[in-house]
Structure formats: structure tokens, C-alpha cells
Amino acid sequence: MTNTTTENKTTSEGNKPEKKFRAGAISATVWRNHGQNKNGEPVIFKTVSLERNYKDKNEEWKSTHSFRINDLPKVALVSNKAYEYLVMSDADAKSDDAKPGDDAIIEEEVVM
């Protein structure tokens, strides 16, 4: 499996995967990003990347952000799971005020 240059670059700058949802070869990864608001204050925001893993003709793992028609139900499933996670974790963060950080990515297999 290969990462894109953008993901490698941002990961080294502090962008950390927080959660991954997988349905077969399709995955949605929730990323924790660090930035600044318009006042220059540090903020944390989250994004989601979608990916399909496959083996090329040399049997090497590759990844793409393009999907086949039969992938779309799985894209919808992992996207919905990521959305649910983000909404629920945002509600938890507001009620808890802050959570202790864990650098390990949590991966969840979604069964169709």
C-alpha cells in the first residue's frame, strides 16, 4: 500500500490519522489536523480521506482515490461511518471538554 506525497508530507508535519473505517478494499480515514484560525490561534480540525487498495499486475499493493461503480456502496458505508464518528466524537469533546490523546490509529472493519 502506498501513501500519496501529500499525506506523507502532512503526516510528518503533525497530521495524524485518528480512525480508519474499512469495507473490503475501501477505507475512510479520519485525520486530525493542526492549523491556525484567522486570529493566529492554534486549532484542531478533522478531515476524511477515501481510498481503494488494489494489487497491480506485479502483485504489489497500490492505492487510489478513484472508485469503480461496484465500490460506491462501500464508499457510502465507510463515509457514513466516518461522519457518524465525527459527529459523535464532536459531541463527546464538547461534553468532556478534552480527551487524552492517543497516537495509535484505530481501525474498524465494516461488514456489509
N, C-alpha and C. Protein backbone atom coordinates (compact mmCIF):
# COMPACT_ATOMS: atom_id res chain seq x y z
N MET A 1 0.84 -1.16 0.00
CA MET A 1 0.00 0.00 0.00
C MET A 1 0.89 1.23 0.00
N THR A 2 0.53 2.21 -0.83
CA THR A 2 1.33 3.42 -0.91
C THR A 2 0.52 4.61 -0.45
N ASN A 3 1.19 5.58 0.13
CA ASN A 3 0.55 6.83 0.52
C ASN A 3 0.89 7.89 -0.51
N THR A 4 0.03 8.86 -0.63
CA THR A 4 0.34 9.95 -1.54
C THR A 4 1.36 10.86 -0.89
N THR A 5 2.05 11.63 -1.71
CA THR A 5 3.06 12.57 -1.21
C THR A 5 2.43 13.54 -0.24
N THR A 6 1.22 14.01 -0.54
CA THR A 6 0.55 14.97 0.34
C THR A 6 0.34 14.38 1.73
N GLU A 7 -0.13 13.13 1.79
CA GLU A 7 -0.35 12.51 3.09
C GLU A 7 0.96 12.33 3.84
N ASN A 8 2.02 11.91 3.15
CA ASN A 8 3.31 11.75 3.81
C ASN A 8 3.82 13.07 4.35
N LYS A 9 3.69 14.13 3.56
CA LYS A 9 4.18 15.44 3.97
C LYS A 9 3.40 15.95 5.18
N THR A 10 2.08 15.88 5.12
CA THR A 10 1.29 16.41 6.22
C THR A 10 1.43 15.55 7.47
N THR A 11 1.61 14.24 7.30
CA THR A 11 1.81 13.38 8.45
C THR A 11 3.07 13.78 9.20
N SER A 12 4.14 14.08 8.49
CA SER A 12 5.38 14.46 9.16
C SER A 12 5.26 15.83 9.83
N GLU A 13 4.27 16.63 9.40
CA GLU A 13 4.07 17.95 9.99
C GLU A 13 3.05 17.92 11.11
N GLY A 14 2.60 16.76 11.56
CA GLY A 14 1.69 16.68 12.69
C GLY A 14 0.29 16.21 12.36
N ASN A 15 -0.04 16.01 11.10
CA ASN A 15 -1.34 15.49 10.72
C ASN A 15 -1.35 14.01 11.06
N LYS A 16 -2.26 13.60 11.95
CA LYS A 16 -2.25 12.21 12.41
C LYS A 16 -3.57 11.53 12.10
N PRO A 17 -3.49 10.28 11.61
CA PRO A 17 -4.74 9.54 11.43
C PRO A 17 -5.33 9.21 12.80
N GLU A 18 -6.62 9.42 12.92
CA GLU A 18 -7.28 9.18 14.20
C GLU A 18 -8.10 7.90 14.19
N LYS A 19 -8.74 7.61 13.06
CA LYS A 19 -9.62 6.44 12.97
C LYS A 19 -9.71 6.03 11.52
N LYS A 20 -9.82 4.72 11.27
CA LYS A 20 -9.98 4.23 9.91
C LYS A 20 -11.14 3.25 9.88
N PHE A 21 -12.01 3.42 8.89
CA PHE A 21 -13.12 2.50 8.66
C PHE A 21 -12.86 1.80 7.34
N ARG A 22 -13.00 0.48 7.33
CA ARG A 22 -12.67 -0.29 6.13
C ARG A 22 -13.82 -1.24 5.80
N ALA A 23 -14.15 -1.29 4.50
CA ALA A 23 -15.10 -2.27 3.97
C ALA A 23 -14.41 -2.90 2.77
N GLY A 24 -13.82 -4.06 2.98
CA GLY A 24 -13.06 -4.69 1.91
C GLY A 24 -11.87 -3.84 1.54
N ALA A 25 -11.76 -3.49 0.26
CA ALA A 25 -10.62 -2.72 -0.23
C ALA A 25 -10.81 -1.21 -0.06
N ILE A 26 -11.98 -0.80 0.40
CA ILE A 26 -12.32 0.63 0.51
C ILE A 26 -12.15 1.07 1.96
N SER A 27 -11.52 2.24 2.14
CA SER A 27 -11.35 2.75 3.50
C SER A 27 -11.59 4.25 3.55
N ALA A 28 -12.04 4.69 4.72
CA ALA A 28 -12.18 6.11 5.03
C ALA A 28 -11.33 6.36 6.26
N THR A 29 -10.39 7.28 6.17
CA THR A 29 -9.50 7.60 7.28
C THR A 29 -9.83 9.00 7.79
N VAL A 30 -10.04 9.10 9.10
CA VAL A 30 -10.27 10.39 9.74
C VAL A 30 -8.91 10.92 10.19
N TRP A 31 -8.59 12.13 9.74
CA TRP A 31 -7.31 12.76 10.05
C TRP A 31 -7.49 13.90 11.03
N ARG A 32 -6.59 14.00 12.00
CA ARG A 32 -6.55 15.12 12.93
C ARG A 32 -5.51 16.11 12.40
N ASN A 33 -5.94 17.32 12.14
CA ASN A 33 -5.09 18.35 11.56
C ASN A 33 -4.88 19.49 12.55
N HIS A 34 -3.72 20.11 12.49
CA HIS A 34 -3.42 21.27 13.32
C HIS A 34 -3.24 22.47 12.41
N GLY A 35 -3.85 23.58 12.78
CA GLY A 35 -3.73 24.79 11.99
C GLY A 35 -3.92 26.01 12.87
N GLN A 36 -4.21 27.12 12.23
CA GLN A 36 -4.45 28.36 12.95
C GLN A 36 -5.74 28.99 12.43
N ASN A 37 -6.47 29.64 13.34
CA ASN A 37 -7.66 30.35 12.91
C ASN A 37 -7.26 31.73 12.40
N LYS A 38 -8.23 32.56 12.03
CA LYS A 38 -7.92 33.86 11.44
C LYS A 38 -7.21 34.79 12.42
N ASN A 39 -7.30 34.49 13.72
CA ASN A 39 -6.60 35.29 14.73
C ASN A 39 -5.21 34.75 15.05
N GLY A 40 -4.80 33.69 14.34
CA GLY A 40 -3.49 33.09 14.57
C GLY A 40 -3.43 32.12 15.73
N GLU A 41 -4.59 31.80 16.30
CA GLU A 41 -4.63 30.87 17.43
C GLU A 41 -4.63 29.44 16.91
N PRO A 42 -3.96 28.52 17.62
CA PRO A 42 -3.93 27.12 17.16
C PRO A 42 -5.32 26.48 17.26
N VAL A 43 -5.65 25.72 16.24
CA VAL A 43 -6.91 24.98 16.21
C VAL A 43 -6.65 23.56 15.70
N ILE A 44 -7.54 22.67 16.07
CA ILE A 44 -7.51 21.30 15.56
C ILE A 44 -8.78 21.12 14.73
N PHE A 45 -8.63 20.58 13.53
CA PHE A 45 -9.78 20.26 12.70
C PHE A 45 -9.56 18.89 12.09
N LYS A 46 -10.65 18.27 11.67
CA LYS A 46 -10.57 16.91 11.15
C LYS A 46 -11.02 16.86 9.70
N THR A 47 -10.39 15.97 8.94
CA THR A 47 -10.76 15.72 7.55
C THR A 47 -10.87 14.21 7.34
N VAL A 48 -11.47 13.84 6.22
CA VAL A 48 -11.64 12.42 5.89
C VAL A 48 -11.09 12.18 4.50
N SER A 49 -10.26 11.14 4.35
CA SER A 49 -9.80 10.73 3.03
C SER A 49 -10.36 9.36 2.70
N LEU A 50 -10.70 9.18 1.42
CA LEU A 50 -11.24 7.91 0.94
C LEU A 50 -10.21 7.27 0.03
N GLU A 51 -10.13 5.93 0.09
CA GLU A 51 -9.08 5.23 -0.64
C GLU A 51 -9.54 3.83 -1.01
N ARG A 52 -9.07 3.35 -2.17
CA ARG A 52 -9.28 1.96 -2.57
C ARG A 52 -7.91 1.32 -2.74
N ASN A 53 -7.68 0.19 -2.10
CA ASN A 53 -6.43 -0.55 -2.23
C ASN A 53 -6.61 -1.67 -3.24
N TYR A 54 -5.54 -1.93 -3.99
CA TYR A 54 -5.59 -2.99 -5.00
C TYR A 54 -4.17 -3.48 -5.27
N LYS A 55 -4.09 -4.65 -5.89
CA LYS A 55 -2.79 -5.18 -6.32
C LYS A 55 -2.64 -4.93 -7.81
N ASP A 56 -1.46 -4.45 -8.19
CA ASP A 56 -1.20 -4.20 -9.62
C ASP A 56 -0.82 -5.51 -10.31
N LYS A 57 -0.45 -5.43 -11.58
CA LYS A 57 -0.13 -6.64 -12.34
C LYS A 57 1.10 -7.36 -11.80
N ASN A 58 1.94 -6.66 -11.01
CA ASN A 58 3.12 -7.28 -10.38
C ASN A 58 2.83 -7.74 -8.96
N GLU A 59 1.54 -7.76 -8.60
CA GLU A 59 1.10 -8.19 -7.27
C GLU A 59 1.60 -7.28 -6.15
N GLU A 60 1.87 -6.02 -6.47
CA GLU A 60 2.27 -5.04 -5.45
C GLU A 60 1.04 -4.22 -5.05
N TRP A 61 0.92 -3.94 -3.73
CA TRP A 61 -0.21 -3.15 -3.24
C TRP A 61 -0.07 -1.70 -3.64
N LYS A 62 -1.16 -1.16 -4.14
CA LYS A 62 -1.25 0.24 -4.54
C LYS A 62 -2.54 0.81 -3.95
N SER A 63 -2.65 2.13 -3.98
CA SER A 63 -3.90 2.74 -3.56
C SER A 63 -4.29 3.83 -4.54
N THR A 64 -5.58 4.12 -4.59
CA THR A 64 -6.11 5.15 -5.47
C THR A 64 -7.27 5.84 -4.79
N HIS A 65 -7.59 7.00 -5.31
CA HIS A 65 -8.75 7.75 -4.82
C HIS A 65 -9.86 7.72 -5.86
N SER A 66 -9.74 6.81 -6.85
CA SER A 66 -10.76 6.58 -7.86
C SER A 66 -11.49 5.29 -7.52
N PHE A 67 -12.79 5.27 -7.82
CA PHE A 67 -13.60 4.13 -7.44
C PHE A 67 -14.39 3.61 -8.63
N ARG A 68 -14.61 2.30 -8.62
CA ARG A 68 -15.43 1.66 -9.63
C ARG A 68 -16.89 1.73 -9.19
N ILE A 69 -17.79 1.48 -10.12
CA ILE A 69 -19.21 1.55 -9.80
C ILE A 69 -19.58 0.62 -8.64
N ASN A 70 -18.98 -0.59 -8.62
CA ASN A 70 -19.30 -1.55 -7.55
C ASN A 70 -18.68 -1.16 -6.21
N ASP A 71 -17.74 -0.21 -6.21
CA ASP A 71 -17.15 0.27 -4.96
C ASP A 71 -18.05 1.27 -4.24
N LEU A 72 -18.95 1.91 -4.98
CA LEU A 72 -19.71 3.03 -4.42
C LEU A 72 -20.55 2.69 -3.19
N PRO A 73 -21.19 1.51 -3.11
CA PRO A 73 -21.90 1.20 -1.86
C PRO A 73 -20.95 1.14 -0.65
N LYS A 74 -19.74 0.63 -0.85
CA LYS A 74 -18.77 0.58 0.24
C LYS A 74 -18.24 1.97 0.56
N VAL A 75 -18.08 2.82 -0.46
CA VAL A 75 -17.68 4.21 -0.23
C VAL A 75 -18.74 4.89 0.63
N ALA A 76 -20.01 4.68 0.29
CA ALA A 76 -21.09 5.27 1.07
C ALA A 76 -21.08 4.77 2.51
N LEU A 77 -20.86 3.48 2.68
CA LEU A 77 -20.85 2.88 4.02
C LEU A 77 -19.73 3.45 4.89
N VAL A 78 -18.50 3.45 4.38
CA VAL A 78 -17.38 3.94 5.20
C VAL A 78 -17.49 5.45 5.40
N SER A 79 -18.03 6.17 4.42
CA SER A 79 -18.24 7.61 4.57
C SER A 79 -19.24 7.90 5.68
N ASN A 80 -20.32 7.14 5.69
CA ASN A 80 -21.33 7.32 6.74
C ASN A 80 -20.77 6.99 8.12
N LYS A 81 -19.96 5.95 8.20
CA LYS A 81 -19.33 5.59 9.47
C LYS A 81 -18.39 6.70 9.94
N ALA A 82 -17.62 7.26 9.02
CA ALA A 82 -16.72 8.36 9.37
C ALA A 82 -17.52 9.57 9.84
N TYR A 83 -18.61 9.88 9.15
CA TYR A 83 -19.46 11.00 9.55
C TYR A 83 -20.04 10.77 10.94
N GLU A 84 -20.55 9.57 11.18
CA GLU A 84 -21.11 9.22 12.49
C GLU A 84 -20.04 9.38 13.57
N TYR A 85 -18.84 8.89 13.31
CA TYR A 85 -17.75 9.00 14.26
C TYR A 85 -17.43 10.47 14.57
N LEU A 86 -17.35 11.30 13.51
CA LEU A 86 -17.02 12.71 13.70
C LEU A 86 -18.10 13.44 14.50
N VAL A 87 -19.35 13.17 14.20
CA VAL A 87 -20.44 13.82 14.92
C VAL A 87 -20.45 13.39 16.38
N MET A 88 -20.27 12.09 16.61
CA MET A 88 -20.29 11.59 18.00
C MET A 88 -19.05 12.04 18.77
N SER A 89 -17.88 12.06 18.14
CA SER A 89 -16.68 12.48 18.86
C SER A 89 -16.72 13.98 19.13
N ASP A 90 -17.35 14.77 18.24
CA ASP A 90 -17.51 16.20 18.47
C ASP A 90 -18.44 16.43 19.65
N ALA A 91 -19.52 15.66 19.74
CA ALA A 91 -20.44 15.79 20.87
C ALA A 91 -19.75 15.39 22.17
N ASP A 92 -18.94 14.32 22.13
CA ASP A 92 -18.19 13.88 23.32
C ASP A 92 -17.17 14.93 23.74
N ALA A 93 -16.49 15.52 22.76
CA ALA A 93 -15.47 16.53 23.07
C ALA A 93 -16.10 17.74 23.73
N LYS A 94 -17.28 18.11 23.27
CA LYS A 94 -17.96 19.27 23.86
C LYS A 94 -18.41 18.96 25.28
N SER A 95 -18.80 17.71 25.53
CA SER A 95 -19.26 17.37 26.88
C SER A 95 -18.09 17.08 27.82
N ASP A 96 -17.00 16.51 27.30
CA ASP A 96 -15.83 16.20 28.12
C ASP A 96 -14.84 17.35 28.18
N ASP A 97 -14.96 18.29 27.27
CA ASP A 97 -14.06 19.43 27.10
C ASP A 97 -12.75 19.03 26.46
N ALA A 98 -12.12 17.94 26.89
CA ALA A 98 -10.87 17.49 26.27
C ALA A 98 -10.70 16.01 26.56
N LYS A 99 -10.11 15.31 25.62
CA LYS A 99 -9.82 13.88 25.78
C LYS A 99 -8.31 13.69 25.76
N PRO A 100 -7.80 12.71 26.50
CA PRO A 100 -6.37 12.43 26.40
C PRO A 100 -6.05 11.91 25.01
N GLY A 101 -4.93 12.33 24.44
CA GLY A 101 -4.55 11.94 23.09
C GLY A 101 -3.95 10.54 23.06
N ASP A 102 -4.24 9.84 21.99
CA ASP A 102 -3.66 8.52 21.76
C ASP A 102 -3.14 8.51 20.34
N ASP A 103 -1.85 8.26 20.16
CA ASP A 103 -1.24 8.35 18.85
C ASP A 103 -1.54 7.14 17.96
N ALA A 104 -2.13 6.07 18.51
CA ALA A 104 -2.40 4.88 17.72
C ALA A 104 -3.68 5.07 16.92
N ILE A 105 -3.63 4.71 15.62
CA ILE A 105 -4.82 4.78 14.78
C ILE A 105 -5.71 3.60 15.13
N ILE A 106 -6.99 3.85 15.20
CA ILE A 106 -7.96 2.81 15.48
C ILE A 106 -8.62 2.44 14.17
N GLU A 107 -8.52 1.17 13.78
CA GLU A 107 -9.10 0.73 12.53
C GLU A 107 -10.31 -0.14 12.82
N GLU A 108 -11.40 0.10 12.10
CA GLU A 108 -12.62 -0.64 12.30
C GLU A 108 -13.08 -1.25 10.98
N GLU A 109 -13.24 -2.56 10.97
CA GLU A 109 -13.72 -3.25 9.78
C GLU A 109 -15.25 -3.14 9.76
N VAL A 110 -15.79 -2.69 8.64
CA VAL A 110 -17.22 -2.55 8.47
C VAL A 110 -17.69 -3.70 7.60
N VAL A 111 -18.64 -4.48 8.10
CA VAL A 111 -19.11 -5.67 7.38
C VAL A 111 -20.37 -5.32 6.62
N MET A 112 -20.38 -5.70 5.34
CA MET A 112 -21.57 -5.45 4.52
C MET A 112 -22.41 -6.70 4.41
